[in-house]
Amino acid sequence: MKIYNYNGKKNICGARIHEARCKNRLTQSDLAAQLQVRGIIIERDSISRIEIGTRFVADYELMVLADILKVSVDWLLGRE
């Protein structure tokens, strides 16, 4: 599967995920644990890669991230 880059990054939501995670006072490990409880197997280093834009984020991951972080998918995508 080919992963495309957008402005040199593999996602556009990483900075917003970082912002919301910090606002909710969650560590990367906390966020990974909450994702795992909801069925998304992900490790702390993958959260780090998402936040810096070097890991692709699937649509189903984005929906669960928005729920955990108490924001909308549109906000994570920079549309709000």
N, C-alpha and C. Protein backbone atom coordinates (compact mmCIF):
# COMPACT_ATOMS: atom_id res chain seq x y z
N MET A 1 0.84 -1.17 0.00
CA MET A 1 0.00 0.00 0.00
C MET A 1 0.89 1.24 0.00
N LYS A 2 0.60 2.15 -0.87
CA LYS A 2 1.37 3.39 -0.94
C LYS A 2 0.75 4.42 0.00
N ILE A 3 1.59 4.99 0.82
CA ILE A 3 1.16 6.05 1.73
C ILE A 3 1.63 7.37 1.13
N TYR A 4 0.71 8.28 0.94
CA TYR A 4 1.04 9.57 0.35
C TYR A 4 1.42 10.57 1.42
N ASN A 5 2.19 11.53 1.02
CA ASN A 5 2.58 12.63 1.90
C ASN A 5 1.80 13.88 1.53
N TYR A 6 1.47 14.67 2.53
CA TYR A 6 0.81 15.95 2.32
C TYR A 6 1.69 17.00 2.98
N ASN A 7 2.29 17.84 2.19
CA ASN A 7 3.24 18.84 2.70
C ASN A 7 4.33 18.20 3.53
N GLY A 8 4.81 17.04 3.09
CA GLY A 8 5.90 16.36 3.77
C GLY A 8 5.51 15.53 4.98
N LYS A 9 4.22 15.44 5.27
CA LYS A 9 3.76 14.67 6.43
C LYS A 9 2.79 13.59 5.98
N LYS A 10 2.65 12.58 6.83
CA LYS A 10 1.74 11.48 6.52
C LYS A 10 0.37 11.67 7.13
N ASN A 11 0.18 12.73 7.89
CA ASN A 11 -1.14 13.07 8.42
C ASN A 11 -1.21 14.57 8.64
N ILE A 12 -2.43 15.09 8.79
CA ILE A 12 -2.61 16.52 9.06
C ILE A 12 -3.16 16.75 10.46
N CYS A 13 -3.34 15.67 11.21
CA CYS A 13 -3.97 15.78 12.52
C CYS A 13 -2.99 15.68 13.69
N GLY A 14 -1.75 15.38 13.44
CA GLY A 14 -0.79 15.14 14.51
C GLY A 14 -0.64 16.27 15.51
N ALA A 15 -0.52 17.49 15.02
CA ALA A 15 -0.35 18.64 15.92
C ALA A 15 -1.58 18.83 16.80
N ARG A 16 -2.76 18.63 16.22
CA ARG A 16 -4.00 18.78 16.99
C ARG A 16 -4.14 17.65 18.01
N ILE A 17 -3.72 16.45 17.65
CA ILE A 17 -3.76 15.33 18.60
C ILE A 17 -2.86 15.65 19.78
N HIS A 18 -1.67 16.16 19.50
CA HIS A 18 -0.74 16.55 20.57
C HIS A 18 -1.36 17.62 21.46
N GLU A 19 -1.94 18.63 20.85
CA GLU A 19 -2.56 19.73 21.60
C GLU A 19 -3.68 19.22 22.51
N ALA A 20 -4.57 18.40 21.96
CA ALA A 20 -5.69 17.88 22.75
C ALA A 20 -5.22 16.92 23.83
N ARG A 21 -4.21 16.13 23.53
CA ARG A 21 -3.67 15.19 24.52
C ARG A 21 -3.10 15.96 25.71
N CYS A 22 -2.35 16.99 25.45
CA CYS A 22 -1.77 17.81 26.52
C CYS A 22 -2.86 18.54 27.31
N LYS A 23 -3.86 19.05 26.62
CA LYS A 23 -4.96 19.74 27.29
C LYS A 23 -5.71 18.79 28.24
N ASN A 24 -5.81 17.52 27.85
CA ASN A 24 -6.46 16.51 28.68
C ASN A 24 -5.51 15.87 29.69
N ARG A 25 -4.29 16.37 29.73
CA ARG A 25 -3.27 15.88 30.67
C ARG A 25 -3.05 14.37 30.56
N LEU A 26 -2.93 13.92 29.33
CA LEU A 26 -2.64 12.51 29.06
C LEU A 26 -1.21 12.38 28.55
N THR A 27 -0.53 11.35 28.98
CA THR A 27 0.76 11.04 28.39
C THR A 27 0.53 10.25 27.12
N GLN A 28 1.55 10.10 26.32
CA GLN A 28 1.43 9.28 25.12
C GLN A 28 1.09 7.84 25.50
N SER A 29 1.66 7.36 26.60
CA SER A 29 1.36 6.01 27.07
C SER A 29 -0.10 5.88 27.50
N ASP A 30 -0.61 6.92 28.19
CA ASP A 30 -2.03 6.92 28.60
C ASP A 30 -2.94 6.83 27.37
N LEU A 31 -2.62 7.63 26.36
CA LEU A 31 -3.44 7.65 25.15
C LEU A 31 -3.38 6.30 24.44
N ALA A 32 -2.20 5.72 24.34
CA ALA A 32 -2.06 4.41 23.71
C ALA A 32 -2.88 3.36 24.47
N ALA A 33 -2.85 3.43 25.81
CA ALA A 33 -3.60 2.47 26.63
C ALA A 33 -5.10 2.61 26.39
N GLN A 34 -5.58 3.85 26.31
CA GLN A 34 -7.01 4.06 26.08
C GLN A 34 -7.42 3.57 24.69
N LEU A 35 -6.57 3.76 23.72
CA LEU A 35 -6.84 3.24 22.38
C LEU A 35 -6.89 1.72 22.39
N GLN A 36 -5.97 1.09 23.11
CA GLN A 36 -5.93 -0.37 23.19
C GLN A 36 -7.18 -0.92 23.83
N VAL A 37 -7.68 -0.26 24.88
CA VAL A 37 -8.92 -0.69 25.54
C VAL A 37 -10.08 -0.67 24.55
N ARG A 38 -10.02 0.25 23.59
CA ARG A 38 -11.09 0.38 22.60
C ARG A 38 -10.83 -0.43 21.33
N GLY A 39 -9.83 -1.30 21.39
CA GLY A 39 -9.60 -2.24 20.29
C GLY A 39 -8.60 -1.82 19.24
N ILE A 40 -7.93 -0.70 19.44
CA ILE A 40 -6.92 -0.25 18.48
C ILE A 40 -5.55 -0.53 19.09
N ILE A 41 -4.88 -1.51 18.53
CA ILE A 41 -3.58 -1.92 19.06
C ILE A 41 -2.52 -0.95 18.55
N ILE A 42 -2.00 -0.18 19.48
CA ILE A 42 -1.03 0.87 19.15
C ILE A 42 -0.11 1.05 20.36
N GLU A 43 1.11 1.38 20.11
CA GLU A 43 2.10 1.57 21.19
C GLU A 43 2.41 3.06 21.34
N ARG A 44 3.07 3.41 22.41
CA ARG A 44 3.41 4.79 22.71
C ARG A 44 4.24 5.42 21.59
N ASP A 45 5.17 4.67 21.03
CA ASP A 45 6.02 5.25 19.97
C ASP A 45 5.20 5.58 18.73
N SER A 46 4.11 4.86 18.49
CA SER A 46 3.24 5.19 17.36
C SER A 46 2.51 6.50 17.60
N ILE A 47 2.13 6.77 18.85
CA ILE A 47 1.50 8.05 19.18
C ILE A 47 2.50 9.18 18.89
N SER A 48 3.74 8.98 19.28
CA SER A 48 4.77 9.97 19.02
C SER A 48 4.91 10.23 17.52
N ARG A 49 4.93 9.15 16.73
CA ARG A 49 5.07 9.30 15.28
C ARG A 49 3.85 9.98 14.66
N ILE A 50 2.67 9.70 15.20
CA ILE A 50 1.47 10.40 14.71
C ILE A 50 1.62 11.89 14.97
N GLU A 51 2.02 12.25 16.19
CA GLU A 51 2.11 13.66 16.56
C GLU A 51 3.14 14.43 15.75
N ILE A 52 4.21 13.79 15.33
CA ILE A 52 5.21 14.49 14.52
C ILE A 52 4.95 14.34 13.02
N GLY A 53 3.90 13.57 12.67
CA GLY A 53 3.50 13.48 11.28
C GLY A 53 4.19 12.43 10.44
N THR A 54 4.85 11.46 11.08
CA THR A 54 5.54 10.43 10.32
C THR A 54 4.79 9.11 10.27
N ARG A 55 3.57 9.08 10.83
CA ARG A 55 2.74 7.88 10.77
C ARG A 55 1.36 8.24 10.23
N PHE A 56 0.88 7.42 9.31
CA PHE A 56 -0.45 7.55 8.76
C PHE A 56 -1.48 7.28 9.85
N VAL A 57 -2.63 7.97 9.82
CA VAL A 57 -3.72 7.74 10.76
C VAL A 57 -4.93 7.27 9.97
N ALA A 58 -5.40 6.07 10.30
CA ALA A 58 -6.58 5.51 9.62
C ALA A 58 -7.83 6.23 10.09
N ASP A 59 -8.87 6.20 9.27
CA ASP A 59 -10.11 6.88 9.63
C ASP A 59 -10.72 6.33 10.92
N TYR A 60 -10.69 5.02 11.13
CA TYR A 60 -11.24 4.46 12.36
C TYR A 60 -10.42 4.87 13.58
N GLU A 61 -9.12 5.05 13.41
CA GLU A 61 -8.28 5.54 14.51
C GLU A 61 -8.64 6.98 14.84
N LEU A 62 -8.88 7.78 13.82
CA LEU A 62 -9.22 9.19 14.00
C LEU A 62 -10.53 9.34 14.78
N MET A 63 -11.51 8.50 14.48
CA MET A 63 -12.79 8.56 15.19
C MET A 63 -12.61 8.26 16.68
N VAL A 64 -11.84 7.23 16.99
CA VAL A 64 -11.63 6.86 18.40
C VAL A 64 -10.77 7.90 19.10
N LEU A 65 -9.76 8.43 18.43
CA LEU A 65 -8.94 9.49 19.01
C LEU A 65 -9.80 10.70 19.37
N ALA A 66 -10.70 11.09 18.49
CA ALA A 66 -11.58 12.22 18.75
C ALA A 66 -12.43 11.96 20.00
N ASP A 67 -12.96 10.75 20.12
CA ASP A 67 -13.77 10.42 21.30
C ASP A 67 -12.95 10.50 22.59
N ILE A 68 -11.78 9.90 22.58
CA ILE A 68 -10.93 9.89 23.78
C ILE A 68 -10.52 11.31 24.15
N LEU A 69 -10.16 12.10 23.16
CA LEU A 69 -9.64 13.45 23.40
C LEU A 69 -10.75 14.50 23.57
N LYS A 70 -12.01 14.07 23.42
CA LYS A 70 -13.17 14.95 23.63
C LYS A 70 -13.19 16.14 22.66
N VAL A 71 -12.87 15.82 21.41
CA VAL A 71 -12.91 16.82 20.34
C VAL A 71 -13.60 16.18 19.14
N SER A 72 -13.90 16.98 18.14
CA SER A 72 -14.51 16.43 16.93
C SER A 72 -13.44 16.01 15.92
N VAL A 73 -13.83 15.12 15.03
CA VAL A 73 -12.93 14.73 13.95
C VAL A 73 -12.60 15.95 13.11
N ASP A 74 -13.59 16.80 12.86
CA ASP A 74 -13.34 18.03 12.09
C ASP A 74 -12.28 18.90 12.76
N TRP A 75 -12.33 19.00 14.10
CA TRP A 75 -11.31 19.81 14.79
C TRP A 75 -9.93 19.19 14.61
N LEU A 76 -9.85 17.86 14.73
CA LEU A 76 -8.55 17.18 14.56
C LEU A 76 -8.00 17.42 13.15
N LEU A 77 -8.91 17.55 12.19
CA LEU A 77 -8.48 17.77 10.81
C LEU A 77 -8.26 19.25 10.48
N GLY A 78 -8.44 20.11 11.47
CA GLY A 78 -8.20 21.54 11.25
C GLY A 78 -9.34 22.24 10.54
N ARG A 79 -10.53 21.64 10.56
CA ARG A 79 -11.67 22.23 9.84
C ARG A 79 -12.53 23.11 10.74
N GLU A 80 -12.23 23.17 12.02
CA GLU A 80 -12.97 24.03 12.96
C GLU A 80 -12.01 24.99 13.61
